[in-house]
Amino acid sequence: MIPRVVASQAAMDVIETLKAAHGPLMFHQSGGCCDGSAPMCYAAGELLIGDQDVLLGQIQGCDFYMSAFQFEYWQHTQLEIDVTPGRGASFSLEIPLGLRFVVKSRLFEEEEWEHLSPIRMGVG
C-alpha cells in the first residue's frame, strides 16, 4: 500500500523526542487558523476528532487526521511531514523546541491510485 502521509527523517526524530516528553501523540492538518495549513501535533486525545475528520494514516505510530472538507482538495496528493527551524503561532507541541512541522506534497502518479492506503472517516 502507498501511504497518504509520510514523514522525513528529521520529522521522525522530532516526533520521537516529543513522544518521550508527552507520551502518545496525534496530528491534525490545520485548515487555516493560526499557522495556515500547518500540521499540528498534540498529545493523543487532546484534540476532539469528529465524524467530519478523515484519518489518513500514521506517522511514527501517530494518527494523522484532516477535515473531510480539506481532504477534498488534498486527496490527490501524498503529504510529507517535515520540520523546519522557526516558531509558529500555534499550540503544536514542537513549538517550544524552536521548530515547526511543515507539509510538503506531491501528486500521486496514475498507477499509484489503486494501491493507496484506505482512509477512515471520523472516530471509532
Protein backbone atom coordinates (compact mmCIF):
# COMPACT_ATOMS: atom_id res chain seq x y z
CA MET A 1 0.00 0.00 0.00
CA ILE A 2 1.14 3.52 -0.75
CA PRO A 3 0.74 5.73 2.32
CA ARG A 4 -1.14 9.01 2.04
CA VAL A 5 1.09 10.62 4.66
CA VAL A 6 4.81 10.08 5.33
CA ALA A 7 7.45 11.87 7.41
CA SER A 8 11.02 12.95 6.74
CA GLN A 9 13.76 11.55 8.95
CA ALA A 10 14.10 14.96 10.64
CA ALA A 11 10.36 14.97 11.43
CA MET A 12 10.53 11.39 12.71
CA ASP A 13 13.38 12.37 15.06
CA VAL A 14 11.35 15.30 16.45
CA ILE A 15 8.28 13.08 16.84
CA GLU A 16 10.33 10.61 18.91
CA THR A 17 11.59 13.46 21.10
CA LEU A 18 8.03 14.67 21.62
CA LYS A 19 6.75 11.17 22.36
CA ALA A 20 9.42 10.79 25.05
CA ALA A 21 8.26 14.04 26.66
CA HIS A 22 4.48 13.84 26.14
CA GLY A 23 3.57 10.19 25.53
CA PRO A 24 1.38 9.11 22.60
CA LEU A 25 0.76 11.82 20.00
CA MET A 26 -1.68 12.67 17.24
CA PHE A 27 -1.57 15.05 14.26
CA HIS A 28 -4.22 17.16 12.58
CA GLN A 29 -3.63 19.07 9.37
CA SER A 30 -4.70 22.61 10.22
CA GLY A 31 -7.20 24.21 7.89
CA GLY A 32 -6.13 27.82 8.06
CA CYS A 33 -6.25 29.16 11.61
CA CYS A 34 -3.02 30.29 13.30
CA ASP A 35 -0.28 28.74 11.13
CA GLY A 36 -2.26 28.44 7.93
CA SER A 37 -2.16 24.85 6.76
CA ALA A 38 0.49 23.55 9.15
CA PRO A 39 0.41 20.03 10.55
CA MET A 40 -0.40 20.34 14.25
CA CYS A 41 0.95 17.89 16.83
CA TYR A 42 -0.97 17.21 20.06
CA ALA A 43 -0.93 14.73 22.89
CA ALA A 44 -3.17 11.84 21.80
CA GLY A 45 -6.79 12.67 22.60
CA GLU A 46 -6.10 16.37 23.23
CA LEU A 47 -7.95 17.40 20.06
CA LEU A 48 -11.50 16.17 19.69
CA ILE A 49 -11.88 14.21 16.45
CA GLY A 50 -15.35 14.19 14.93
CA ASP A 51 -17.27 12.49 12.17
CA GLN A 52 -16.07 15.12 9.68
CA ASP A 53 -12.40 14.26 10.18
CA VAL A 54 -10.51 11.81 7.99
CA LEU A 55 -7.80 9.51 9.32
CA LEU A 56 -5.18 9.49 6.55
CA GLY A 57 -2.79 7.09 8.25
CA GLN A 58 0.01 7.18 10.78
CA ILE A 59 3.47 8.68 11.00
CA GLN A 60 5.81 7.18 13.62
CA GLY A 61 2.82 5.42 15.16
CA CYS A 62 0.81 8.66 15.49
CA ASP A 63 -2.63 9.03 13.88
CA PHE A 64 -2.79 11.79 11.26
CA TYR A 65 -6.15 13.48 10.57
CA MET A 66 -7.56 16.28 8.45
CA SER A 67 -11.07 17.60 7.93
CA ALA A 68 -13.17 15.94 5.23
CA PHE A 69 -13.63 19.35 3.59
CA GLN A 70 -9.87 19.80 3.34
CA PHE A 71 -9.38 16.21 2.17
CA GLU A 72 -11.43 17.04 -0.92
CA TYR A 73 -8.55 19.30 -2.00
CA TRP A 74 -5.66 17.12 -0.78
CA GLN A 75 -6.91 13.65 -1.80
CA HIS A 76 -4.77 13.64 -4.95
CA THR A 77 -1.53 14.17 -3.03
CA GLN A 78 0.80 12.35 -0.72
CA LEU A 79 1.70 14.54 2.24
CA GLU A 80 5.24 14.56 3.59
CA ILE A 81 5.59 15.98 7.06
CA ASP A 82 8.90 17.72 7.61
CA VAL A 83 10.30 20.08 10.22
CA THR A 84 11.99 23.45 9.90
CA PRO A 85 13.55 25.94 12.33
CA GLY A 86 11.23 28.71 13.41
CA ARG A 87 8.39 29.46 15.73
CA GLY A 88 4.86 29.02 14.54
CA ALA A 89 1.86 30.74 16.08
CA SER A 90 0.14 27.57 17.19
CA PHE A 91 -0.30 25.23 20.14
CA SER A 92 1.55 22.41 18.38
CA LEU A 93 3.92 20.56 20.72
CA GLU A 94 7.11 21.18 18.72
CA ILE A 95 6.91 24.98 19.02
CA PRO A 96 8.86 25.22 22.34
CA LEU A 97 11.73 23.38 20.60
CA GLY A 98 12.15 26.32 18.21
CA LEU A 99 10.86 24.14 15.37
CA ARG A 100 7.66 23.74 13.42
CA PHE A 101 6.22 20.98 11.35
CA VAL A 102 5.54 21.79 7.70
CA VAL A 103 3.75 19.86 4.99
CA LYS A 104 5.10 19.15 1.53
CA SER A 105 3.05 17.38 -1.08
CA ARG A 106 3.30 15.58 -4.37
CA LEU A 107 0.59 14.40 -6.74
CA PHE A 108 0.02 10.69 -6.88
CA GLU A 109 1.01 9.04 -10.14
CA GLU A 110 -1.84 7.46 -12.09
CA GLU A 111 -0.55 3.93 -11.43
CA GLU A 112 -0.49 4.58 -7.66
CA TRP A 113 -4.24 5.18 -7.29
CA GLU A 114 -5.23 1.53 -6.97
CA HIS A 115 -2.57 0.97 -4.30
CA LEU A 116 -3.37 3.86 -1.94
CA SER A 117 -3.88 3.13 1.72
CA PRO A 118 -7.54 3.42 2.76
CA ILE A 119 -8.88 6.35 4.74
CA ARG A 120 -11.31 6.19 7.64
CA MET A 121 -13.94 8.78 8.48
CA GLY A 122 -14.49 10.07 11.99
CA VAL A 123 -13.90 8.29 15.22
CA GLY A 124 -14.32 4.70 16.21
